Amino acid sequence: MSNHSDDIAGARGTAGFLMEMGMLKRAKRSGWWIAGVKDPESIAEHSFRVGVIGAVLAMMEGADPARVALMCLFHDTQETRVGDIPHIGRRYLTAASNEKVTGDQLADAHPDVAAGVQRVVDEYENGHGPEVTIARDADKLECLIQAVEYREQGYQNVQNWIDTSRNSLKTASAQALAEAALTMTSVEWQRTYLR
């Protein structure tokens, strides 16, 4: 049985991690600045939709939606410490691995939380199998959909994001959703109510 001070230490470390995750609501996805987007989405906004997309793709592909959504939720949490390094920036920078950053972020957290989040991040970064493939597809599909929305808002330099994302999709469901998204407007869903 743990003593009271251990419980408090684990709680403080875990609460600190949760507060650090709040930074993701304020930190911008800086790669969009290259396309001229003045006020791009936050990392948290991206991660939320990646989680929804991942769960939907898993349902379509007959995989575990909860497992996929969990990987999607934690796939960019390390960016509180290393920032959102655009693809072009990776050519010039060597950042710590996401697994190492996660370990540091959770060093003082409750041991079960630290181990659990580390497992999720390790699976996303190094795993194989349908859930990992789907989680990675969700990240790319979200980027494609966001690029379509930015293009609709008048940003013309997003085609590379669309093409790169589209070409990296592995699952048939993600490819089908990408093709559908490319033929729609961002308010297409309202037509249901306008019939």
N, C-alpha and C. Protein backbone atom coordinates (compact mmCIF):
# COMPACT_ATOMS: atom_id res chain seq x y z
N MET A 1 0.85 -1.19 0.00
CA MET A 1 0.00 0.00 0.00
C MET A 1 0.89 1.25 0.00
N SER A 2 0.57 2.22 -0.81
CA SER A 2 1.39 3.43 -0.90
C SER A 2 1.03 4.38 0.24
N ASN A 3 2.00 5.21 0.60
CA ASN A 3 1.69 6.18 1.66
C ASN A 3 1.09 7.44 1.06
N HIS A 4 0.58 8.29 1.92
CA HIS A 4 -0.15 9.48 1.48
C HIS A 4 0.72 10.42 0.64
N SER A 5 1.98 10.59 1.02
CA SER A 5 2.84 11.51 0.27
C SER A 5 3.10 11.00 -1.15
N ASP A 6 3.16 9.66 -1.33
CA ASP A 6 3.30 9.11 -2.68
C ASP A 6 2.07 9.42 -3.52
N ASP A 7 0.89 9.31 -2.89
CA ASP A 7 -0.35 9.61 -3.61
C ASP A 7 -0.37 11.07 -4.06
N ILE A 8 0.03 11.96 -3.15
CA ILE A 8 0.06 13.38 -3.48
C ILE A 8 1.08 13.65 -4.58
N ALA A 9 2.25 13.04 -4.50
CA ALA A 9 3.28 13.26 -5.53
C ALA A 9 2.78 12.78 -6.89
N GLY A 10 2.17 11.61 -6.92
CA GLY A 10 1.65 11.12 -8.19
C GLY A 10 0.52 11.98 -8.72
N ALA A 11 -0.31 12.48 -7.82
CA ALA A 11 -1.41 13.35 -8.24
C ALA A 11 -0.87 14.67 -8.78
N ARG A 12 0.12 15.24 -8.11
CA ARG A 12 0.69 16.52 -8.58
C ARG A 12 1.34 16.33 -9.95
N GLY A 13 2.07 15.24 -10.12
CA GLY A 13 2.72 14.99 -11.41
C GLY A 13 1.71 14.76 -12.52
N THR A 14 0.65 14.03 -12.19
CA THR A 14 -0.40 13.77 -13.17
C THR A 14 -1.17 15.05 -13.49
N ALA A 15 -1.49 15.83 -12.46
CA ALA A 15 -2.18 17.11 -12.69
C ALA A 15 -1.29 18.05 -13.50
N GLY A 16 0.01 18.02 -13.24
CA GLY A 16 0.93 18.83 -14.03
C GLY A 16 0.90 18.45 -15.50
N PHE A 17 0.85 17.15 -15.77
CA PHE A 17 0.74 16.68 -17.15
C PHE A 17 -0.56 17.19 -17.78
N LEU A 18 -1.65 17.13 -17.04
CA LEU A 18 -2.93 17.61 -17.57
C LEU A 18 -2.88 19.11 -17.85
N MET A 19 -2.23 19.86 -16.98
CA MET A 19 -2.08 21.30 -17.23
C MET A 19 -1.20 21.55 -18.45
N GLU A 20 -0.14 20.76 -18.58
CA GLU A 20 0.72 20.89 -19.76
C GLU A 20 -0.07 20.62 -21.03
N MET A 21 -0.99 19.67 -20.99
CA MET A 21 -1.80 19.37 -22.18
C MET A 21 -2.66 20.57 -22.59
N GLY A 22 -2.96 21.45 -21.64
CA GLY A 22 -3.70 22.67 -21.96
C GLY A 22 -2.96 23.56 -22.94
N MET A 23 -1.64 23.45 -22.96
CA MET A 23 -0.86 24.22 -23.93
C MET A 23 -1.24 23.88 -25.37
N LEU A 24 -1.69 22.65 -25.59
CA LEU A 24 -2.06 22.23 -26.94
C LEU A 24 -3.26 23.00 -27.47
N LYS A 25 -4.05 23.59 -26.56
CA LYS A 25 -5.19 24.41 -26.98
C LYS A 25 -4.72 25.77 -27.49
N ARG A 26 -3.53 26.19 -27.05
CA ARG A 26 -3.01 27.51 -27.43
C ARG A 26 -1.95 27.44 -28.53
N ALA A 27 -1.27 26.31 -28.65
CA ALA A 27 -0.17 26.17 -29.63
C ALA A 27 -0.75 25.91 -31.02
N LYS A 28 -0.26 26.64 -31.99
CA LYS A 28 -0.78 26.54 -33.36
C LYS A 28 -0.04 25.48 -34.16
N ARG A 29 -0.73 24.94 -35.15
CA ARG A 29 -0.11 24.01 -36.10
C ARG A 29 0.65 24.88 -37.09
N SER A 30 1.93 25.06 -36.83
CA SER A 30 2.72 26.08 -37.51
C SER A 30 3.01 25.79 -38.97
N GLY A 31 2.87 24.55 -39.41
CA GLY A 31 3.10 24.25 -40.83
C GLY A 31 2.17 25.02 -41.75
N TRP A 32 0.99 25.36 -41.26
CA TRP A 32 0.03 26.10 -42.09
C TRP A 32 0.49 27.52 -42.37
N TRP A 33 1.39 28.06 -41.56
CA TRP A 33 1.92 29.40 -41.85
C TRP A 33 2.62 29.42 -43.20
N ILE A 34 3.23 28.31 -43.56
CA ILE A 34 3.92 28.22 -44.86
C ILE A 34 2.91 28.41 -45.99
N ALA A 35 1.69 27.94 -45.80
CA ALA A 35 0.63 28.10 -46.81
C ALA A 35 -0.05 29.45 -46.73
N GLY A 36 0.39 30.30 -45.79
CA GLY A 36 -0.17 31.64 -45.69
C GLY A 36 -1.35 31.75 -44.74
N VAL A 37 -1.66 30.68 -44.00
CA VAL A 37 -2.77 30.73 -43.05
C VAL A 37 -2.31 31.53 -41.84
N LYS A 38 -2.93 32.67 -41.64
CA LYS A 38 -2.48 33.59 -40.59
C LYS A 38 -2.76 33.07 -39.19
N ASP A 39 -3.93 32.48 -38.98
CA ASP A 39 -4.32 31.98 -37.65
C ASP A 39 -4.75 30.52 -37.78
N PRO A 40 -3.78 29.60 -37.89
CA PRO A 40 -4.13 28.20 -38.10
C PRO A 40 -4.73 27.55 -36.86
N GLU A 41 -5.27 26.38 -37.07
CA GLU A 41 -5.85 25.59 -35.98
C GLU A 41 -4.81 25.31 -34.91
N SER A 42 -5.28 25.05 -33.71
CA SER A 42 -4.38 24.64 -32.63
C SER A 42 -4.09 23.15 -32.76
N ILE A 43 -3.07 22.71 -32.04
CA ILE A 43 -2.73 21.28 -32.02
C ILE A 43 -3.89 20.50 -31.41
N ALA A 44 -4.53 21.04 -30.37
CA ALA A 44 -5.66 20.36 -29.74
C ALA A 44 -6.84 20.24 -30.71
N GLU A 45 -7.10 21.27 -31.48
CA GLU A 45 -8.20 21.21 -32.46
C GLU A 45 -7.92 20.12 -33.48
N HIS A 46 -6.68 20.04 -33.94
CA HIS A 46 -6.28 18.99 -34.87
C HIS A 46 -6.47 17.61 -34.23
N SER A 47 -5.97 17.45 -33.01
CA SER A 47 -6.00 16.15 -32.35
C SER A 47 -7.43 15.68 -32.07
N PHE A 48 -8.31 16.61 -31.75
CA PHE A 48 -9.71 16.24 -31.52
C PHE A 48 -10.29 15.60 -32.78
N ARG A 49 -10.14 16.27 -33.92
CA ARG A 49 -10.75 15.71 -35.13
C ARG A 49 -10.01 14.46 -35.59
N VAL A 50 -8.70 14.37 -35.33
CA VAL A 50 -7.99 13.12 -35.65
C VAL A 50 -8.61 11.97 -34.86
N GLY A 51 -8.95 12.21 -33.59
CA GLY A 51 -9.57 11.17 -32.78
C GLY A 51 -10.91 10.73 -33.31
N VAL A 52 -11.73 11.68 -33.72
CA VAL A 52 -13.04 11.36 -34.29
C VAL A 52 -12.86 10.59 -35.61
N ILE A 53 -11.98 11.09 -36.46
CA ILE A 53 -11.73 10.42 -37.74
C ILE A 53 -11.20 9.01 -37.49
N GLY A 54 -10.28 8.87 -36.55
CA GLY A 54 -9.72 7.54 -36.26
C GLY A 54 -10.79 6.56 -35.82
N ALA A 55 -11.69 6.99 -34.94
CA ALA A 55 -12.76 6.11 -34.48
C ALA A 55 -13.67 5.72 -35.64
N VAL A 56 -14.01 6.68 -36.49
CA VAL A 56 -14.87 6.41 -37.65
C VAL A 56 -14.19 5.45 -38.62
N LEU A 57 -12.93 5.70 -38.92
CA LEU A 57 -12.20 4.80 -39.82
C LEU A 57 -12.13 3.39 -39.25
N ALA A 58 -11.90 3.29 -37.94
CA ALA A 58 -11.83 1.96 -37.31
C ALA A 58 -13.17 1.24 -37.46
N MET A 59 -14.26 1.97 -37.28
CA MET A 59 -15.59 1.36 -37.46
C MET A 59 -15.75 0.87 -38.90
N MET A 60 -15.33 1.67 -39.85
CA MET A 60 -15.45 1.31 -41.26
C MET A 60 -14.56 0.12 -41.62
N GLU A 61 -13.40 0.02 -40.97
CA GLU A 61 -12.42 -1.01 -41.28
C GLU A 61 -12.56 -2.26 -40.40
N GLY A 62 -13.50 -2.25 -39.47
CA GLY A 62 -13.68 -3.40 -38.59
C GLY A 62 -12.58 -3.55 -37.55
N ALA A 63 -12.01 -2.44 -37.13
CA ALA A 63 -10.95 -2.44 -36.11
C ALA A 63 -11.52 -1.88 -34.80
N ASP A 64 -10.66 -1.74 -33.80
CA ASP A 64 -11.08 -1.28 -32.47
C ASP A 64 -11.09 0.25 -32.41
N PRO A 65 -12.27 0.87 -32.44
CA PRO A 65 -12.34 2.33 -32.47
C PRO A 65 -11.76 3.00 -31.23
N ALA A 66 -11.95 2.39 -30.06
CA ALA A 66 -11.44 3.01 -28.83
C ALA A 66 -9.91 3.02 -28.83
N ARG A 67 -9.31 1.94 -29.25
CA ARG A 67 -7.84 1.86 -29.30
C ARG A 67 -7.28 2.87 -30.29
N VAL A 68 -7.91 2.99 -31.45
CA VAL A 68 -7.47 3.95 -32.46
C VAL A 68 -7.64 5.37 -31.94
N ALA A 69 -8.79 5.68 -31.37
CA ALA A 69 -9.05 7.03 -30.87
C ALA A 69 -8.04 7.40 -29.79
N LEU A 70 -7.67 6.46 -28.93
CA LEU A 70 -6.70 6.72 -27.88
C LEU A 70 -5.34 7.07 -28.47
N MET A 71 -4.91 6.32 -29.48
CA MET A 71 -3.64 6.66 -30.14
C MET A 71 -3.71 8.04 -30.78
N CYS A 72 -4.83 8.34 -31.41
CA CYS A 72 -4.99 9.64 -32.06
C CYS A 72 -4.95 10.76 -31.03
N LEU A 73 -5.57 10.56 -29.90
CA LEU A 73 -5.63 11.57 -28.85
C LEU A 73 -4.23 11.95 -28.36
N PHE A 74 -3.33 10.97 -28.27
CA PHE A 74 -2.00 11.20 -27.71
C PHE A 74 -0.91 11.38 -28.78
N HIS A 75 -1.25 11.36 -30.07
CA HIS A 75 -0.21 11.32 -31.10
C HIS A 75 0.63 12.60 -31.19
N ASP A 76 0.12 13.73 -30.76
CA ASP A 76 0.88 14.99 -30.84
C ASP A 76 1.09 15.65 -29.48
N THR A 77 0.87 14.94 -28.39
CA THR A 77 0.98 15.55 -27.07
C THR A 77 2.39 16.01 -26.75
N GLN A 78 3.37 15.48 -27.43
CA GLN A 78 4.77 15.85 -27.18
C GLN A 78 5.08 17.27 -27.67
N GLU A 79 4.20 17.83 -28.47
CA GLU A 79 4.46 19.14 -29.07
C GLU A 79 4.40 20.27 -28.06
N THR A 80 3.98 19.99 -26.82
CA THR A 80 4.09 21.00 -25.77
C THR A 80 5.56 21.30 -25.49
N ARG A 81 6.43 20.34 -25.75
CA ARG A 81 7.86 20.49 -25.42
C ARG A 81 8.72 20.77 -26.64
N VAL A 82 8.36 20.22 -27.78
CA VAL A 82 9.22 20.39 -28.97
C VAL A 82 8.57 21.25 -30.04
N GLY A 83 7.32 21.65 -29.83
CA GLY A 83 6.62 22.46 -30.81
C GLY A 83 6.15 21.62 -31.99
N ASP A 84 5.43 22.26 -32.87
CA ASP A 84 4.95 21.62 -34.09
C ASP A 84 5.97 21.91 -35.17
N ILE A 85 6.87 20.97 -35.40
CA ILE A 85 7.94 21.18 -36.37
C ILE A 85 7.39 20.83 -37.76
N PRO A 86 7.28 21.81 -38.66
CA PRO A 86 6.78 21.51 -40.00
C PRO A 86 7.71 20.52 -40.70
N HIS A 87 7.15 19.83 -41.67
CA HIS A 87 7.91 18.80 -42.39
C HIS A 87 9.25 19.34 -42.89
N ILE A 88 9.26 20.54 -43.44
CA ILE A 88 10.50 21.10 -43.96
C ILE A 88 11.52 21.35 -42.84
N GLY A 89 11.02 21.67 -41.64
CA GLY A 89 11.92 21.92 -40.52
C GLY A 89 12.64 20.68 -40.04
N ARG A 90 12.03 19.52 -40.25
CA ARG A 90 12.65 18.26 -39.81
C ARG A 90 13.94 17.97 -40.57
N ARG A 91 14.10 18.62 -41.69
CA ARG A 91 15.33 18.46 -42.47
C ARG A 91 16.53 19.07 -41.75
N TYR A 92 16.27 20.04 -40.88
CA TYR A 92 17.34 20.80 -40.25
C TYR A 92 17.46 20.57 -38.75
N LEU A 93 16.45 19.96 -38.16
CA LEU A 93 16.42 19.79 -36.71
C LEU A 93 16.41 18.32 -36.34
N THR A 94 17.07 18.01 -35.25
CA THR A 94 16.99 16.68 -34.68
C THR A 94 16.31 16.82 -33.33
N ALA A 95 15.09 16.35 -33.25
CA ALA A 95 14.33 16.44 -32.00
C ALA A 95 14.39 15.10 -31.28
N ALA A 96 14.17 15.15 -29.99
CA ALA A 96 14.05 13.92 -29.21
C ALA A 96 12.86 13.13 -29.75
N SER A 97 12.90 11.82 -29.60
CA SER A 97 11.79 10.99 -30.06
C SER A 97 10.54 11.30 -29.24
N ASN A 98 9.39 11.05 -29.84
CA ASN A 98 8.14 11.26 -29.12
C ASN A 98 8.05 10.37 -27.89
N GLU A 99 8.64 9.19 -27.96
CA GLU A 99 8.63 8.29 -26.82
C GLU A 99 9.43 8.89 -25.66
N LYS A 100 10.57 9.50 -25.97
CA LYS A 100 11.41 10.11 -24.92
C LYS A 100 10.69 11.32 -24.31
N VAL A 101 10.11 12.16 -25.16
CA VAL A 101 9.40 13.34 -24.67
C VAL A 101 8.25 12.89 -23.75
N THR A 102 7.51 11.88 -24.17
CA THR A 102 6.40 11.38 -23.36
C THR A 102 6.90 10.90 -22.00
N GLY A 103 8.02 10.17 -22.00
CA GLY A 103 8.60 9.71 -20.74
C GLY A 103 8.94 10.86 -19.81
N ASP A 104 9.51 11.93 -20.37
CA ASP A 104 9.84 13.10 -19.57
C ASP A 104 8.58 13.81 -19.07
N GLN A 105 7.58 13.92 -19.93
CA GLN A 105 6.34 14.58 -19.54
C GLN A 105 5.67 13.88 -18.36
N LEU A 106 5.81 12.57 -18.31
CA LEU A 106 5.09 11.77 -17.31
C LEU A 106 6.00 11.26 -16.20
N ALA A 107 7.20 11.79 -16.10
CA ALA A 107 8.18 11.29 -15.12
C ALA A 107 7.65 11.32 -13.69
N ASP A 108 6.84 12.30 -13.36
CA ASP A 108 6.33 12.45 -11.99
C ASP A 108 4.86 12.07 -11.85
N ALA A 109 4.30 11.52 -12.92
CA ALA A 109 2.88 11.17 -12.90
C ALA A 109 2.66 9.84 -12.16
N HIS A 110 1.42 9.57 -11.89
CA HIS A 110 1.04 8.28 -11.31
C HIS A 110 1.65 7.18 -12.18
N PRO A 111 2.26 6.17 -11.60
CA PRO A 111 2.96 5.15 -12.40
C PRO A 111 2.07 4.46 -13.44
N ASP A 112 0.81 4.21 -13.11
CA ASP A 112 -0.09 3.57 -14.07
C ASP A 112 -0.42 4.50 -15.24
N VAL A 113 -0.51 5.79 -14.95
CA VAL A 113 -0.75 6.78 -16.01
C VAL A 113 0.48 6.85 -16.91
N ALA A 114 1.64 6.96 -16.30
CA ALA A 114 2.89 7.04 -17.08
C ALA A 114 3.04 5.82 -17.97
N ALA A 115 2.83 4.64 -17.42
CA ALA A 115 2.98 3.41 -18.21
C ALA A 115 1.92 3.32 -19.29
N GLY A 116 0.69 3.70 -18.96
CA GLY A 116 -0.40 3.60 -19.93
C GLY A 116 -0.23 4.53 -21.11
N VAL A 117 0.10 5.79 -20.84
CA VAL A 117 0.29 6.74 -21.94
C VAL A 117 1.52 6.35 -22.76
N GLN A 118 2.57 5.90 -22.08
CA GLN A 118 3.79 5.49 -22.79
C GLN A 118 3.47 4.34 -23.76
N ARG A 119 2.65 3.38 -23.32
CA ARG A 119 2.26 2.26 -24.19
C ARG A 119 1.53 2.76 -25.43
N VAL A 120 0.62 3.71 -25.23
CA VAL A 120 -0.17 4.24 -26.35
C VAL A 120 0.75 4.94 -27.35
N VAL A 121 1.66 5.78 -26.85
CA VAL A 121 2.57 6.52 -27.73
C VAL A 121 3.53 5.55 -28.43
N ASP A 122 4.06 4.58 -27.69
CA ASP A 122 4.96 3.59 -28.29
C ASP A 122 4.26 2.82 -29.41
N GLU A 123 3.00 2.46 -29.18
CA GLU A 123 2.27 1.73 -30.22
C GLU A 123 2.09 2.59 -31.46
N TYR A 124 1.70 3.84 -31.27
CA TYR A 124 1.50 4.72 -32.42
C TYR A 124 2.81 4.90 -33.19
N GLU A 125 3.91 5.10 -32.48
CA GLU A 125 5.19 5.39 -33.11
C GLU A 125 5.86 4.16 -33.72
N ASN A 126 5.71 3.00 -33.09
CA ASN A 126 6.49 1.82 -33.49
C ASN A 126 5.68 0.59 -33.82
N GLY A 127 4.38 0.66 -33.60
CA GLY A 127 3.55 -0.53 -33.76
C GLY A 127 3.19 -0.82 -35.21
N HIS A 128 2.55 -1.95 -35.36
CA HIS A 128 2.06 -2.40 -36.66
C HIS A 128 0.66 -2.93 -36.45
N GLY A 129 -0.01 -3.20 -37.53
CA GLY A 129 -1.36 -3.74 -37.42
C GLY A 129 -2.39 -2.71 -37.82
N PRO A 130 -3.62 -3.17 -37.92
CA PRO A 130 -4.67 -2.31 -38.47
C PRO A 130 -4.93 -1.04 -37.66
N GLU A 131 -4.93 -1.13 -36.33
CA GLU A 131 -5.23 0.05 -35.52
C GLU A 131 -4.17 1.14 -35.71
N VAL A 132 -2.92 0.76 -35.77
CA VAL A 132 -1.84 1.73 -35.96
C VAL A 132 -1.95 2.37 -37.35
N THR A 133 -2.18 1.55 -38.35
CA THR A 133 -2.33 2.07 -39.72
C THR A 133 -3.51 3.04 -39.79
N ILE A 134 -4.61 2.69 -39.14
CA ILE A 134 -5.80 3.54 -39.16
C ILE A 134 -5.53 4.85 -38.41
N ALA A 135 -4.85 4.79 -37.27
CA ALA A 135 -4.54 6.01 -36.52
C ALA A 135 -3.68 6.95 -37.35
N ARG A 136 -2.71 6.41 -38.04
CA ARG A 136 -1.84 7.25 -38.89
C ARG A 136 -2.63 7.80 -40.08
N ASP A 137 -3.52 6.99 -40.64
CA ASP A 137 -4.39 7.49 -41.71
C ASP A 137 -5.28 8.63 -41.21
N ALA A 138 -5.77 8.51 -39.99
CA ALA A 138 -6.63 9.56 -39.42
C ALA A 138 -5.88 10.89 -39.35
N ASP A 139 -4.62 10.85 -38.95
CA ASP A 139 -3.80 12.06 -38.90
C ASP A 139 -3.68 12.69 -40.28
N LYS A 140 -3.41 11.88 -41.28
CA LYS A 140 -3.26 12.39 -42.66
C LYS A 140 -4.58 12.87 -43.23
N LEU A 141 -5.65 12.14 -42.95
CA LEU A 141 -6.96 12.53 -43.48
C LEU A 141 -7.42 13.84 -42.85
N GLU A 142 -7.14 14.03 -41.56
CA GLU A 142 -7.51 15.29 -40.93
C GLU A 142 -6.77 16.45 -41.59
N CYS A 143 -5.49 16.25 -41.90
CA CYS A 143 -4.70 17.28 -42.57
C CYS A 143 -5.30 17.60 -43.95
N LEU A 144 -5.70 16.58 -44.66
CA LEU A 144 -6.31 16.79 -45.98
C LEU A 144 -7.62 17.57 -45.85
N ILE A 145 -8.46 17.18 -44.92
CA ILE A 145 -9.74 17.87 -44.74
C ILE A 145 -9.51 19.32 -44.32
N GLN A 146 -8.54 19.54 -43.43
CA GLN A 146 -8.24 20.91 -43.01
C GLN A 146 -7.74 21.73 -44.19
N ALA A 147 -6.92 21.13 -45.04
CA ALA A 147 -6.43 21.83 -46.23
C ALA A 147 -7.58 22.20 -47.17
N VAL A 148 -8.53 21.30 -47.33
CA VAL A 148 -9.71 21.58 -48.15
C VAL A 148 -10.47 22.77 -47.58
N GLU A 149 -10.62 22.80 -46.26
CA GLU A 149 -11.32 23.91 -45.62
C GLU A 149 -10.56 25.22 -45.78
N TYR A 150 -9.24 25.18 -45.62
CA TYR A 150 -8.45 26.40 -45.80
C TYR A 150 -8.51 26.87 -47.26
N ARG A 151 -8.48 25.94 -48.20
CA ARG A 151 -8.59 26.32 -49.61
C ARG A 151 -9.92 27.01 -49.87
N GLU A 152 -10.97 26.48 -49.27
CA GLU A 152 -12.30 27.08 -49.42
C GLU A 152 -12.33 28.50 -48.85
N GLN A 153 -11.53 28.75 -47.82
CA GLN A 153 -11.46 30.07 -47.20
C GLN A 153 -10.56 31.03 -47.99
N GLY A 154 -9.98 30.56 -49.09
CA GLY A 154 -9.19 31.44 -49.95
C GLY A 154 -7.70 31.22 -49.92
N TYR A 155 -7.22 30.29 -49.13
CA TYR A 155 -5.77 30.02 -49.10
C TYR A 155 -5.43 29.10 -50.27
N GLN A 156 -4.64 29.61 -51.19
CA GLN A 156 -4.39 28.89 -52.44
C GLN A 156 -3.21 27.92 -52.37
N ASN A 157 -2.34 28.07 -51.38
CA ASN A 157 -1.11 27.28 -51.36
C ASN A 157 -1.20 26.00 -50.53
N VAL A 158 -2.35 25.35 -50.54
CA VAL A 158 -2.54 24.15 -49.71
C VAL A 158 -2.52 22.85 -50.52
N GLN A 159 -2.39 22.95 -51.82
CA GLN A 159 -2.49 21.74 -52.65
C GLN A 159 -1.45 20.69 -52.28
N ASN A 160 -0.25 21.11 -51.91
CA ASN A 160 0.78 20.15 -51.53
C ASN A 160 0.35 19.34 -50.31
N TRP A 161 -0.33 19.98 -49.34
CA TRP A 161 -0.82 19.26 -48.15
C TRP A 161 -1.88 18.23 -48.57
N ILE A 162 -2.74 18.63 -49.50
CA ILE A 162 -3.77 17.71 -49.99
C ILE A 162 -3.12 16.52 -50.69
N ASP A 163 -2.21 16.80 -51.62
CA ASP A 163 -1.59 15.72 -52.39
C ASP A 163 -0.76 14.78 -51.52
N THR A 164 0.05 15.34 -50.64
CA THR A 164 0.90 14.53 -49.77
C THR A 164 0.06 13.67 -48.84
N SER A 165 -0.97 14.26 -48.26
CA SER A 165 -1.84 13.50 -47.36
C SER A 165 -2.56 12.39 -48.11
N ARG A 166 -3.12 12.73 -49.23
CA ARG A 166 -3.89 11.77 -50.03
C ARG A 166 -3.02 10.58 -50.45
N ASN A 167 -1.80 10.87 -50.88
CA ASN A 167 -0.91 9.81 -51.36
C ASN A 167 -0.38 8.91 -50.25
N SER A 168 -0.49 9.35 -49.00
CA SER A 168 0.04 8.54 -47.90
C SER A 168 -1.02 7.67 -47.23
N LEU A 169 -2.27 7.82 -47.61
CA LEU A 169 -3.35 7.04 -47.00
C LEU A 169 -3.24 5.57 -47.40
N LYS A 170 -3.39 4.69 -46.42
CA LYS A 170 -3.22 3.25 -46.65
C LYS A 170 -4.53 2.48 -46.73
N THR A 171 -5.51 2.87 -45.93
CA THR A 171 -6.75 2.08 -45.88
C THR A 171 -7.73 2.53 -46.96
N ALA A 172 -8.53 1.57 -47.42
CA ALA A 172 -9.55 1.87 -48.43
C ALA A 172 -10.55 2.88 -47.90
N SER A 173 -10.89 2.78 -46.62
CA SER A 173 -11.88 3.71 -46.04
C SER A 173 -11.34 5.13 -46.02
N ALA A 174 -10.09 5.32 -45.65
CA ALA A 174 -9.50 6.67 -45.63
C ALA A 174 -9.42 7.23 -47.04
N GLN A 175 -9.07 6.40 -48.00
CA GLN A 175 -9.00 6.86 -49.39
C GLN A 175 -10.38 7.27 -49.89
N ALA A 176 -11.40 6.49 -49.54
CA ALA A 176 -12.77 6.82 -49.96
C ALA A 176 -13.24 8.13 -49.33
N LEU A 177 -12.94 8.31 -48.03
CA LEU A 177 -13.35 9.55 -47.37
C LEU A 177 -12.60 10.75 -47.93
N ALA A 178 -11.34 10.58 -48.28
CA ALA A 178 -10.57 11.67 -48.88
C ALA A 178 -11.18 12.07 -50.22
N GLU A 179 -11.50 11.10 -51.03
CA GLU A 179 -12.11 11.39 -52.34
C GLU A 179 -13.43 12.12 -52.16
N ALA A 180 -14.23 11.69 -51.20
CA ALA A 180 -15.51 12.36 -50.94
C ALA A 180 -15.29 13.79 -50.47
N ALA A 181 -14.36 13.98 -49.54
CA ALA A 181 -14.10 15.31 -48.99
C ALA A 181 -13.63 16.28 -50.06
N LEU A 182 -12.90 15.78 -51.04
CA LEU A 182 -12.38 16.65 -52.10
C LEU A 182 -13.47 17.14 -53.04
N THR A 183 -14.66 16.55 -52.97
CA THR A 183 -15.76 16.98 -53.84
C THR A 183 -16.83 17.75 -53.09
N MET A 184 -16.56 18.09 -51.81
CA MET A 184 -17.58 18.70 -50.97
C MET A 184 -17.14 20.08 -50.49
N THR A 185 -18.12 20.83 -50.00
CA THR A 185 -17.80 22.05 -49.27
C THR A 185 -17.85 21.73 -47.78
N SER A 186 -17.32 22.63 -46.99
CA SER A 186 -17.30 22.38 -45.54
C SER A 186 -18.67 22.47 -44.90
N VAL A 187 -19.64 22.98 -45.61
CA VAL A 187 -21.00 23.08 -45.06
C VAL A 187 -21.97 22.12 -45.75
N GLU A 188 -21.43 21.17 -46.49
CA GLU A 188 -22.26 20.18 -47.18
C GLU A 188 -23.20 19.46 -46.22
N TRP A 189 -22.75 19.22 -45.02
CA TRP A 189 -23.54 18.48 -44.03
C TRP A 189 -24.87 19.16 -43.72
N GLN A 190 -24.97 20.47 -43.96
CA GLN A 190 -26.21 21.20 -43.67
C GLN A 190 -27.33 20.84 -44.62
N ARG A 191 -26.99 20.28 -45.75
CA ARG A 191 -28.03 19.96 -46.74
C ARG A 191 -29.06 19.00 -46.18
N THR A 192 -28.67 18.19 -45.22
CA THR A 192 -29.60 17.28 -44.56
C THR A 192 -30.79 18.04 -44.01
N TYR A 193 -30.52 19.23 -43.49
CA TYR A 193 -31.56 20.02 -42.84
C TYR A 193 -32.27 20.96 -43.81
N LEU A 194 -31.72 21.10 -44.98
CA LEU A 194 -32.28 22.07 -45.92
C LEU A 194 -33.16 21.40 -46.98
N ARG A 195 -33.39 20.11 -46.86
CA ARG A 195 -34.19 19.39 -47.86
C ARG A 195 -35.66 19.66 -47.69
